[in-house]
């Protein structure tokens, strides 16, 4: 799976799930500060990632994901290691 398709898919799902403006979802966007996502929203993100990519996000891993770039990188790296 290439990184560009991950970015497009994740952005689309976040726009649908959290009603975010697509223009707000940039690689440097901070999930909490810029996008306004809260702790419970991270549970929803974990469910989305599990459903779409079969990747289970653990609590320690989620805490290191602060920006959209971190999320893209994490998913990309996990899909490359499968």
Protein backbone atom coordinates (compact mmCIF):
# COMPACT_ATOMS: atom_id res chain seq x y z
CA UNK A 1 0.00 0.00 0.00
CA UNK A 2 1.45 3.35 -0.93
CA UNK A 3 1.55 6.31 1.41
CA UNK A 4 -0.53 8.58 -0.82
CA UNK A 5 -3.50 6.21 -0.73
CA UNK A 6 -3.22 6.00 3.07
CA UNK A 7 -3.30 9.81 3.31
CA UNK A 8 -6.36 10.06 1.03
CA UNK A 9 -8.23 7.28 2.81
CA UNK A 10 -7.53 8.52 6.34
CA UNK A 11 -8.40 12.11 5.44
CA UNK A 12 -11.69 11.02 3.85
CA UNK A 13 -12.62 8.89 6.86
CA UNK A 14 -11.79 11.66 9.34
CA UNK A 15 -13.84 14.19 7.37
CA UNK A 16 -16.80 11.79 7.43
CA UNK A 17 -16.44 10.63 11.05
CA UNK A 18 -15.58 13.92 12.76
CA UNK A 19 -17.09 16.40 10.30
CA UNK A 20 -13.73 18.12 9.86
CA UNK A 21 -12.96 20.51 7.04
CA UNK A 22 -10.75 18.72 4.55
CA UNK A 23 -8.57 21.82 4.26
CA UNK A 24 -7.79 21.59 8.00
CA UNK A 25 -6.31 18.12 7.64
CA UNK A 26 -2.70 18.78 6.76
CA UNK A 27 0.35 16.65 7.60
CA UNK A 28 1.40 19.13 10.32
CA UNK A 29 -2.08 19.41 11.84
CA UNK A 30 -1.99 18.51 15.52
CA UNK A 31 -4.82 16.09 16.30
CA UNK A 32 -5.83 17.78 19.56
CA UNK A 33 -4.77 21.41 19.15
CA UNK A 34 -5.55 21.97 15.47
CA UNK A 35 -8.32 19.46 14.77
CA UNK A 36 -9.95 19.57 18.20
CA UNK A 37 -10.00 15.82 18.68
CA UNK A 38 -10.40 14.59 22.24
CA UNK A 39 -9.39 11.42 24.06
CA UNK A 40 -12.56 9.55 23.11
CA UNK A 41 -12.02 10.52 19.48
CA UNK A 42 -8.75 8.59 19.53
CA UNK A 43 -10.76 5.46 20.32
CA UNK A 44 -12.77 6.11 17.17
CA UNK A 45 -9.57 6.64 15.19
CA UNK A 46 -8.25 3.32 16.49
CA UNK A 47 -11.47 1.61 15.35
CA UNK A 48 -11.18 3.24 11.91
CA UNK A 49 -7.56 2.14 11.54
CA UNK A 50 -8.42 -1.41 12.68
CA UNK A 51 -11.37 -1.66 10.29
CA UNK A 52 -9.57 -0.15 7.29
CA UNK A 53 -6.08 -1.63 7.71
CA UNK A 54 -6.33 -4.43 10.28
CA UNK A 55 -3.90 -2.57 12.56
CA UNK A 56 -4.56 -2.51 16.30
CA UNK A 57 -3.40 0.70 17.95
CA UNK A 58 -2.25 0.21 21.52
CA UNK A 59 -2.42 2.94 24.17
CA UNK A 60 1.32 3.54 24.22
CA UNK A 61 1.40 3.86 20.44
CA UNK A 62 -1.55 6.22 20.33
CA UNK A 63 0.14 8.57 22.78
CA UNK A 64 3.04 9.02 20.35
CA UNK A 65 0.69 9.99 17.50
CA UNK A 66 0.28 13.74 17.80
CA UNK A 67 0.03 14.97 14.21
CA UNK A 68 -1.56 13.70 11.04
CA UNK A 69 1.95 13.00 9.73
CA UNK A 70 2.56 10.72 12.74
CA UNK A 71 -0.66 8.86 11.98
CA UNK A 72 0.14 8.44 8.28
CA UNK A 73 3.67 7.27 9.09
CA UNK A 74 2.45 4.80 11.69
CA UNK A 75 -0.08 3.21 9.35
CA UNK A 76 2.37 3.17 6.45
CA UNK A 77 5.10 1.53 8.52
CA UNK A 78 2.70 -1.10 9.86
CA UNK A 79 1.43 -1.97 6.40
CA UNK A 80 4.98 -2.30 5.10
CA UNK A 81 5.89 -4.74 7.86
CA UNK A 82 3.02 -7.12 7.11
